[in-house]
Amino acid sequence: MKKTILAIAACVSVMSADQLIKLNIQGMMCPACVSNVKTSLNGVQGVKETTVFLKSGTAEVKADNATKPAALCDAVKQAGYECSVAK
């Protein structure tokens, strides 16, 4: 019984695993820019949490595994900023 419960718990945690995507963003100059980028990223399907850092020009996005980093950069570019996936 314990093995079955542990196996089910392991499957659920794997299926619901999130990814952390780090982005480099150019063109942010002020807190309003940070807000614009954050709003754009949060509008992408699968995004759960977004943190944008003005000083370093980066963002960290917690999203489900189906979310593509390119979709995040596309959203940032639509908002008027340059974006690349950090390596």
PDB file of N, CA and C in Angstrom:
ATOM      1  N   MET A   1       0.822  -1.201   0.000  1.00  0.00           N
ATOM      2  CA  MET A   1       0.000   0.000   0.000  1.00  0.00           C
ATOM      3  C   MET A   1       0.863   1.261   0.000  1.00  0.00           C
ATOM      4  N   LYS A   2       1.910   1.272   0.865  1.00  0.00           N
ATOM      5  CA  LYS A   2       2.783   2.443   0.931  1.00  0.00           C
ATOM      6  C   LYS A   2       3.492   2.664  -0.394  1.00  0.00           C
ATOM      7  N   LYS A   3       3.912   1.569  -1.042  1.00  0.00           N
ATOM      8  CA  LYS A   3       4.608   1.693  -2.327  1.00  0.00           C
ATOM      9  C   LYS A   3       3.693   2.291  -3.385  1.00  0.00           C
ATOM     10  N   THR A   4       2.438   1.917  -3.377  1.00  0.00           N
ATOM     11  CA  THR A   4       1.476   2.444  -4.344  1.00  0.00           C
ATOM     12  C   THR A   4       1.273   3.941  -4.125  1.00  0.00           C
ATOM     13  N   ILE A   5       1.128   4.347  -2.891  1.00  0.00           N
ATOM     14  CA  ILE A   5       0.932   5.762  -2.576  1.00  0.00           C
ATOM     15  C   ILE A   5       2.161   6.567  -2.980  1.00  0.00           C
ATOM     16  N   LEU A   6       3.351   6.048  -2.691  1.00  0.00           N
ATOM     17  CA  LEU A   6       4.574   6.751  -3.066  1.00  0.00           C
ATOM     18  C   LEU A   6       4.714   6.848  -4.586  1.00  0.00           C
ATOM     19  N   ALA A   7       4.350   5.798  -5.295  1.00  0.00           N
ATOM     20  CA  ALA A   7       4.430   5.806  -6.753  1.00  0.00           C
ATOM     21  C   ALA A   7       3.471   6.840  -7.337  1.00  0.00           C
ATOM     22  N   ILE A   8       2.269   6.909  -6.798  1.00  0.00           N
ATOM     23  CA  ILE A   8       1.294   7.898  -7.268  1.00  0.00           C
ATOM     24  C   ILE A   8       1.784   9.311  -6.975  1.00  0.00           C
ATOM     25  N   ALA A   9       2.319   9.533  -5.793  1.00  0.00           N
ATOM     26  CA  ALA A   9       2.832  10.855  -5.425  1.00  0.00           C
ATOM     27  C   ALA A   9       3.987  11.256  -6.338  1.00  0.00           C
ATOM     28  N   ALA A  10       4.842  10.322  -6.674  1.00  0.00           N
ATOM     29  CA  ALA A  10       5.964  10.620  -7.569  1.00  0.00           C
ATOM     30  C   ALA A  10       5.470  10.990  -8.956  1.00  0.00           C
ATOM     31  N   CYS A  11       4.475  10.287  -9.461  1.00  0.00           N
ATOM     32  CA  CYS A  11       3.918  10.593 -10.784  1.00  0.00           C
ATOM     33  C   CYS A  11       3.266  11.964 -10.802  1.00  0.00           C
ATOM     34  N   VAL A  12       2.539  12.291  -9.768  1.00  0.00           N
ATOM     35  CA  VAL A  12       1.865  13.585  -9.704  1.00  0.00           C
ATOM     36  C   VAL A  12       2.895  14.699  -9.663  1.00  0.00           C
ATOM     37  N   SER A  13       3.971  14.543  -8.890  1.00  0.00           N
ATOM     38  CA  SER A  13       4.968  15.608  -8.804  1.00  0.00           C
ATOM     39  C   SER A  13       5.710  15.777 -10.120  1.00  0.00           C
ATOM     40  N   VAL A  14       5.946  14.711 -10.857  1.00  0.00           N
ATOM     41  CA  VAL A  14       6.608  14.810 -12.151  1.00  0.00           C
ATOM     42  C   VAL A  14       5.691  15.484 -13.154  1.00  0.00           C
ATOM     43  N   MET A  15       4.415  15.124 -13.164  1.00  0.00           N
ATOM     44  CA  MET A  15       3.474  15.688 -14.121  1.00  0.00           C
ATOM     45  C   MET A  15       3.234  17.172 -13.867  1.00  0.00           C
ATOM     46  N   SER A  16       3.336  17.598 -12.617  1.00  0.00           N
ATOM     47  CA  SER A  16       3.051  18.991 -12.310  1.00  0.00           C
ATOM     48  C   SER A  16       4.331  19.815 -12.162  1.00  0.00           C
ATOM     49  N   ALA A  17       5.454  19.262 -12.572  1.00  0.00           N
ATOM     50  CA  ALA A  17       6.720  19.965 -12.434  1.00  0.00           C
ATOM     51  C   ALA A  17       6.726  21.241 -13.272  1.00  0.00           C
ATOM     52  N   ASP A  18       7.314  22.267 -12.712  1.00  0.00           N
ATOM     53  CA  ASP A  18       7.435  23.541 -13.406  1.00  0.00           C
ATOM     54  C   ASP A  18       8.875  23.727 -13.855  1.00  0.00           C
ATOM     55  N   GLN A  19       9.063  24.669 -14.739  1.00  0.00           N
ATOM     56  CA  GLN A  19      10.407  25.019 -15.174  1.00  0.00           C
ATOM     57  C   GLN A  19      10.666  26.478 -14.833  1.00  0.00           C
ATOM     58  N   LEU A  20      11.939  26.809 -14.656  1.00  0.00           N
ATOM     59  CA  LEU A  20      12.347  28.185 -14.418  1.00  0.00           C
ATOM     60  C   LEU A  20      13.101  28.641 -15.660  1.00  0.00           C
ATOM     61  N   ILE A  21      12.576  29.653 -16.329  1.00  0.00           N
ATOM     62  CA  ILE A  21      13.175  30.166 -17.554  1.00  0.00           C
ATOM     63  C   ILE A  21      13.754  31.541 -17.251  1.00  0.00           C
ATOM     64  N   LYS A  22      15.026  31.711 -17.592  1.00  0.00           N
ATOM     65  CA  LYS A  22      15.695  32.991 -17.362  1.00  0.00           C
ATOM     66  C   LYS A  22      15.859  33.712 -18.691  1.00  0.00           C
ATOM     67  N   LEU A  23      15.518  34.986 -18.685  1.00  0.00           N
ATOM     68  CA  LEU A  23      15.559  35.797 -19.900  1.00  0.00           C
ATOM     69  C   LEU A  23      16.455  37.016 -19.705  1.00  0.00           C
ATOM     70  N   ASN A  24      17.124  37.418 -20.775  1.00  0.00           N
ATOM     71  CA  ASN A  24      17.844  38.689 -20.816  1.00  0.00           C
ATOM     72  C   ASN A  24      16.959  39.669 -21.580  1.00  0.00           C
ATOM     73  N   ILE A  25      16.726  40.834 -20.992  1.00  0.00           N
ATOM     74  CA  ILE A  25      15.826  41.813 -21.606  1.00  0.00           C
ATOM     75  C   ILE A  25      16.558  43.152 -21.729  1.00  0.00           C
ATOM     76  N   GLN A  26      16.561  43.683 -22.951  1.00  0.00           N
ATOM     77  CA  GLN A  26      17.207  44.961 -23.196  1.00  0.00           C
ATOM     78  C   GLN A  26      16.132  46.021 -23.464  1.00  0.00           C
ATOM     79  N   GLY A  27      16.424  47.241 -23.002  1.00  0.00           N
ATOM     80  CA  GLY A  27      15.527  48.350 -23.284  1.00  0.00           C
ATOM     81  C   GLY A  27      14.695  48.821 -22.105  1.00  0.00           C
ATOM     82  N   MET A  28      14.794  48.147 -20.973  1.00  0.00           N
ATOM     83  CA  MET A  28      14.045  48.596 -19.793  1.00  0.00           C
ATOM     84  C   MET A  28      14.806  49.747 -19.142  1.00  0.00           C
ATOM     85  N   MET A  29      14.102  50.847 -18.893  1.00  0.00           N
ATOM     86  CA  MET A  29      14.747  52.027 -18.324  1.00  0.00           C
ATOM     87  C   MET A  29      14.172  52.464 -16.967  1.00  0.00           C
ATOM     88  N   CYS A  30      12.978  51.972 -16.624  1.00  0.00           N
ATOM     89  CA  CYS A  30      12.312  52.485 -15.426  1.00  0.00           C
ATOM     90  C   CYS A  30      11.352  51.430 -14.871  1.00  0.00           C
ATOM     91  N   PRO A  31      10.792  51.692 -13.706  1.00  0.00           N
ATOM     92  CA  PRO A  31       9.833  50.747 -13.123  1.00  0.00           C
ATOM     93  C   PRO A  31       8.607  50.494 -14.008  1.00  0.00           C
ATOM     94  N   ALA A  32       8.209  51.468 -14.805  1.00  0.00           N
ATOM     95  CA  ALA A  32       7.074  51.251 -15.708  1.00  0.00           C
ATOM     96  C   ALA A  32       7.427  50.199 -16.761  1.00  0.00           C
ATOM     97  N   CYS A  33       8.686  50.198 -17.206  1.00  0.00           N
ATOM     98  CA  CYS A  33       9.143  49.173 -18.160  1.00  0.00           C
ATOM     99  C   CYS A  33       9.061  47.786 -17.519  1.00  0.00           C
ATOM    100  N   VAL A  34       9.482  47.701 -16.277  1.00  0.00           N
ATOM    101  CA  VAL A  34       9.417  46.429 -15.549  1.00  0.00           C
ATOM    102  C   VAL A  34       7.972  45.944 -15.497  1.00  0.00           C
ATOM    103  N   SER A  35       7.063  46.841 -15.196  1.00  0.00           N
ATOM    104  CA  SER A  35       5.649  46.494 -15.136  1.00  0.00           C
ATOM    105  C   SER A  35       5.132  46.022 -16.494  1.00  0.00           C
ATOM    106  N   ASN A  36       5.531  46.695 -17.567  1.00  0.00           N
ATOM    107  CA  ASN A  36       5.107  46.300 -18.913  1.00  0.00           C
ATOM    108  C   ASN A  36       5.608  44.907 -19.266  1.00  0.00           C
ATOM    109  N   VAL A  37       6.876  44.639 -18.962  1.00  0.00           N
ATOM    110  CA  VAL A  37       7.458  43.324 -19.264  1.00  0.00           C
ATOM    111  C   VAL A  37       6.765  42.249 -18.441  1.00  0.00           C
ATOM    112  N   LYS A  38       6.567  42.529 -17.169  1.00  0.00           N
ATOM    113  CA  LYS A  38       5.914  41.553 -16.290  1.00  0.00           C
ATOM    114  C   LYS A  38       4.496  41.238 -16.762  1.00  0.00           C
ATOM    115  N   THR A  39       3.758  42.254 -17.139  1.00  0.00           N
ATOM    116  CA  THR A  39       2.398  42.057 -17.642  1.00  0.00           C
ATOM    117  C   THR A  39       2.409  41.217 -18.918  1.00  0.00           C
ATOM    118  N   SER A  40       3.345  41.508 -19.801  1.00  0.00           N
ATOM    119  CA  SER A  40       3.458  40.747 -21.054  1.00  0.00           C
ATOM    120  C   SER A  40       3.766  39.283 -20.787  1.00  0.00           C
ATOM    121  N   LEU A  41       4.712  39.032 -19.890  1.00  0.00           N
ATOM    122  CA  LEU A  41       5.087  37.652 -19.579  1.00  0.00           C
ATOM    123  C   LEU A  41       3.940  36.905 -18.898  1.00  0.00           C
ATOM    124  N   ASN A  42       3.251  37.569 -17.995  1.00  0.00           N
ATOM    125  CA  ASN A  42       2.144  36.926 -17.284  1.00  0.00           C
ATOM    126  C   ASN A  42       0.976  36.594 -18.210  1.00  0.00           C
ATOM    127  N   GLY A  43       0.935  37.228 -19.375  1.00  0.00           N
ATOM    128  CA  GLY A  43      -0.118  36.955 -20.345  1.00  0.00           C
ATOM    129  C   GLY A  43       0.118  35.704 -21.178  1.00  0.00           C
ATOM    130  N   VAL A  44       1.294  35.109 -21.071  1.00  0.00           N
ATOM    131  CA  VAL A  44       1.601  33.893 -21.826  1.00  0.00           C
ATOM    132  C   VAL A  44       1.007  32.694 -21.093  1.00  0.00           C
ATOM    133  N   GLN A  45       0.330  31.847 -21.840  1.00  0.00           N
ATOM    134  CA  GLN A  45      -0.309  30.679 -21.241  1.00  0.00           C
ATOM    135  C   GLN A  45       0.723  29.780 -20.572  1.00  0.00           C
ATOM    136  N   GLY A  46       0.432  29.361 -19.356  1.00  0.00           N
ATOM    137  CA  GLY A  46       1.311  28.464 -18.614  1.00  0.00           C
ATOM    138  C   GLY A  46       2.220  29.164 -17.626  1.00  0.00           C
ATOM    139  N   VAL A  47       2.299  30.501 -17.697  1.00  0.00           N
ATOM    140  CA  VAL A  47       3.142  31.251 -16.766  1.00  0.00           C
ATOM    141  C   VAL A  47       2.461  31.300 -15.405  1.00  0.00           C
ATOM    142  N   LYS A  48       3.238  30.981 -14.377  1.00  0.00           N
ATOM    143  CA  LYS A  48       2.691  30.953 -13.025  1.00  0.00           C
ATOM    144  C   LYS A  48       3.213  32.096 -12.163  1.00  0.00           C
ATOM    145  N   GLU A  49       4.469  32.491 -12.403  1.00  0.00           N
ATOM    146  CA  GLU A  49       5.072  33.549 -11.590  1.00  0.00           C
ATOM    147  C   GLU A  49       6.183  34.210 -12.394  1.00  0.00           C
ATOM    148  N   THR A  50       6.283  35.522 -12.276  1.00  0.00           N
ATOM    149  CA  THR A  50       7.289  36.276 -13.024  1.00  0.00           C
ATOM    150  C   THR A  50       7.980  37.262 -12.093  1.00  0.00           C
ATOM    151  N   THR A  51       9.300  37.317 -12.186  1.00  0.00           N
ATOM    152  CA  THR A  51      10.082  38.316 -11.477  1.00  0.00           C
ATOM    153  C   THR A  51      10.968  39.009 -12.504  1.00  0.00           C
ATOM    154  N   VAL A  52      10.897  40.335 -12.549  1.00  0.00           N
ATOM    155  CA  VAL A  52      11.679  41.111 -13.515  1.00  0.00           C
ATOM    156  C   VAL A  52      12.624  42.022 -12.733  1.00  0.00           C
ATOM    157  N   PHE A  53      13.887  42.032 -13.148  1.00  0.00           N
ATOM    158  CA  PHE A  53      14.920  42.799 -12.466  1.00  0.00           C
ATOM    159  C   PHE A  53      15.426  43.919 -13.374  1.00  0.00           C
ATOM    160  N   LEU A  54      15.137  45.164 -13.008  1.00  0.00           N
ATOM    161  CA  LEU A  54      15.521  46.315 -13.815  1.00  0.00           C
ATOM    162  C   LEU A  54      17.040  46.465 -13.888  1.00  0.00           C
ATOM    163  N   LYS A  55      17.701  46.403 -12.746  1.00  0.00           N
ATOM    164  CA  LYS A  55      19.139  46.670 -12.678  1.00  0.00           C
ATOM    165  C   LYS A  55      19.949  45.711 -13.543  1.00  0.00           C
ATOM    166  N   SER A  56      19.602  44.433 -13.527  1.00  0.00           N
ATOM    167  CA  SER A  56      20.363  43.447 -14.303  1.00  0.00           C
ATOM    168  C   SER A  56      19.784  43.217 -15.693  1.00  0.00           C
ATOM    169  N   GLY A  57      18.586  43.736 -15.947  1.00  0.00           N
ATOM    170  CA  GLY A  57      17.956  43.535 -17.248  1.00  0.00           C
ATOM    171  C   GLY A  57      17.616  42.082 -17.501  1.00  0.00           C
ATOM    172  N   THR A  58      17.102  41.424 -16.464  1.00  0.00           N
ATOM    173  CA  THR A  58      16.755  40.013 -16.582  1.00  0.00           C
ATOM    174  C   THR A  58      15.358  39.751 -16.040  1.00  0.00           C
ATOM    175  N   ALA A  59      14.864  38.566 -16.357  1.00  0.00           N
ATOM    176  CA  ALA A  59      13.582  38.115 -15.810  1.00  0.00           C
ATOM    177  C   ALA A  59      13.688  36.630 -15.532  1.00  0.00           C
ATOM    178  N   GLU A  60      12.986  36.182 -14.520  1.00  0.00           N
ATOM    179  CA  GLU A  60      12.860  34.760 -14.199  1.00  0.00           C
ATOM    180  C   GLU A  60      11.381  34.426 -14.239  1.00  0.00           C
ATOM    181  N   VAL A  61      11.064  33.392 -15.006  1.00  0.00           N
ATOM    182  CA  VAL A  61       9.667  33.013 -15.201  1.00  0.00           C
ATOM    183  C   VAL A  61       9.480  31.569 -14.773  1.00  0.00           C
ATOM    184  N   LYS A  62       8.563  31.361 -13.843  1.00  0.00           N
ATOM    185  CA  LYS A  62       8.173  30.016 -13.445  1.00  0.00           C
ATOM    186  C   LYS A  62       6.950  29.655 -14.274  1.00  0.00           C
ATOM    187  N   ALA A  63       7.071  28.574 -15.030  1.00  0.00           N
ATOM    188  CA  ALA A  63       5.981  28.198 -15.941  1.00  0.00           C
ATOM    189  C   ALA A  63       5.883  26.688 -16.014  1.00  0.00           C
ATOM    190  N   ASP A  64       4.749  26.220 -16.530  1.00  0.00           N
ATOM    191  CA  ASP A  64       4.622  24.773 -16.691  1.00  0.00           C
ATOM    192  C   ASP A  64       5.549  24.309 -17.817  1.00  0.00           C
ATOM    193  N   ASN A  65       5.767  23.015 -17.874  1.00  0.00           N
ATOM    194  CA  ASN A  65       6.735  22.456 -18.824  1.00  0.00           C
ATOM    195  C   ASN A  65       6.335  22.631 -20.279  1.00  0.00           C
ATOM    196  N   ALA A  66       5.087  22.918 -20.558  1.00  0.00           N
ATOM    197  CA  ALA A  66       4.643  23.095 -21.938  1.00  0.00           C
ATOM    198  C   ALA A  66       4.948  24.493 -22.473  1.00  0.00           C
ATOM    199  N   THR A  67       5.308  25.413 -21.603  1.00  0.00           N
ATOM    200  CA  THR A  67       5.586  26.789 -22.020  1.00  0.00           C
ATOM    201  C   THR A  67       6.944  26.855 -22.707  1.00  0.00           C
ATOM    202  N   LYS A  68       6.954  27.434 -23.888  1.00  0.00           N
ATOM    203  CA  LYS A  68       8.179  27.549 -24.676  1.00  0.00           C
ATOM    204  C   LYS A  68       8.872  28.882 -24.377  1.00  0.00           C
ATOM    205  N   PRO A  69      10.178  28.867 -24.150  1.00  0.00           N
ATOM    206  CA  PRO A  69      10.911  30.118 -23.930  1.00  0.00           C
ATOM    207  C   PRO A  69      10.735  31.111 -25.080  1.00  0.00           C
ATOM    208  N   ALA A  70      10.638  30.618 -26.303  1.00  0.00           N
ATOM    209  CA  ALA A  70      10.456  31.508 -27.450  1.00  0.00           C
ATOM    210  C   ALA A  70       9.144  32.280 -27.348  1.00  0.00           C
ATOM    211  N   ALA A  71       8.111  31.665 -26.809  1.00  0.00           N
ATOM    212  CA  ALA A  71       6.819  32.348 -26.641  1.00  0.00           C
ATOM    213  C   ALA A  71       6.953  33.493 -25.637  1.00  0.00           C
ATOM    214  N   LEU A  72       7.773  33.294 -24.617  1.00  0.00           N
ATOM    215  CA  LEU A  72       7.998  34.357 -23.636  1.00  0.00           C
ATOM    216  C   LEU A  72       8.723  35.531 -24.283  1.00  0.00           C
ATOM    217  N   CYS A  73       9.775  35.231 -25.056  1.00  0.00           N
ATOM    218  CA  CYS A  73      10.510  36.305 -25.742  1.00  0.00           C
ATOM    219  C   CYS A  73       9.617  37.019 -26.748  1.00  0.00           C
ATOM    220  N   ASP A  74       8.768  36.294 -27.433  1.00  0.00           N
ATOM    221  CA  ASP A  74       7.839  36.923 -28.377  1.00  0.00           C
ATOM    222  C   ASP A  74       6.940  37.930 -27.659  1.00  0.00           C
ATOM    223  N   ALA A  75       6.470  37.570 -26.484  1.00  0.00           N
ATOM    224  CA  ALA A  75       5.605  38.474 -25.713  1.00  0.00           C
ATOM    225  C   ALA A  75       6.367  39.731 -25.306  1.00  0.00           C
ATOM    226  N   VAL A  76       7.615  39.569 -24.895  1.00  0.00           N
ATOM    227  CA  VAL A  76       8.438  40.721 -24.503  1.00  0.00           C
ATOM    228  C   VAL A  76       8.698  41.621 -25.712  1.00  0.00           C
ATOM    229  N   LYS A  77       8.974  41.004 -26.849  1.00  0.00           N
ATOM    230  CA  LYS A  77       9.227  41.784 -28.071  1.00  0.00           C
ATOM    231  C   LYS A  77       7.976  42.538 -28.506  1.00  0.00           C
ATOM    232  N   GLN A  78       6.810  41.923 -28.342  1.00  0.00           N
ATOM    233  CA  GLN A  78       5.542  42.603 -28.669  1.00  0.00           C
ATOM    234  C   GLN A  78       5.350  43.841 -27.788  1.00  0.00           C
ATOM    235  N   ALA A  79       5.917  43.790 -26.587  1.00  0.00           N
ATOM    236  CA  ALA A  79       5.797  44.933 -25.663  1.00  0.00           C
ATOM    237  C   ALA A  79       6.817  46.020 -25.997  1.00  0.00           C
ATOM    238  N   GLY A  80       7.742  45.758 -26.941  1.00  0.00           N
ATOM    239  CA  GLY A  80       8.676  46.784 -27.372  1.00  0.00           C
ATOM    240  C   GLY A  80      10.082  46.664 -26.840  1.00  0.00           C
ATOM    241  N   TYR A  81      10.448  45.504 -26.291  1.00  0.00           N
ATOM    242  CA  TYR A  81      11.780  45.305 -25.722  1.00  0.00           C
ATOM    243  C   TYR A  81      12.485  44.173 -26.458  1.00  0.00           C
ATOM    244  N   GLU A  82      13.796  44.131 -26.335  1.00  0.00           N
ATOM    245  CA  GLU A  82      14.567  43.023 -26.915  1.00  0.00           C
ATOM    246  C   GLU A  82      14.659  41.922 -25.865  1.00  0.00           C
ATOM    247  N   CYS A  83      14.702  40.683 -26.325  1.00  0.00           N
ATOM    248  CA  CYS A  83      14.699  39.553 -25.400  1.00  0.00           C
ATOM    249  C   CYS A  83      15.496  38.399 -25.969  1.00  0.00           C
ATOM    250  N   SER A  84      16.211  37.697 -25.092  1.00  0.00           N
ATOM    251  CA  SER A  84      16.870  36.446 -25.454  1.00  0.00           C
ATOM    252  C   SER A  84      16.833  35.533 -24.244  1.00  0.00           C
ATOM    253  N   VAL A  85      16.884  34.244 -24.502  1.00  0.00           N
ATOM    254  CA  VAL A  85      16.890  33.262 -23.413  1.00  0.00           C
ATOM    255  C   VAL A  85      18.298  33.206 -22.850  1.00  0.00           C
ATOM    256  N   ALA A  86      18.422  33.343 -21.540  1.00  0.00           N
ATOM    257  CA  ALA A  86      19.730  33.276 -20.880  1.00  0.00           C
ATOM    258  C   ALA A  86      20.235  31.839 -20.911  1.00  0.00           C
ATOM    259  N   LYS A  87      21.510  31.702 -21.057  1.00  0.00           N
ATOM    260  CA  LYS A  87      22.119  30.353 -21.103  1.00  0.00           C
ATOM    261  C   LYS A  87      22.758  29.992 -19.817  1.00  0.00           C
TER     262      LYS A  87
END
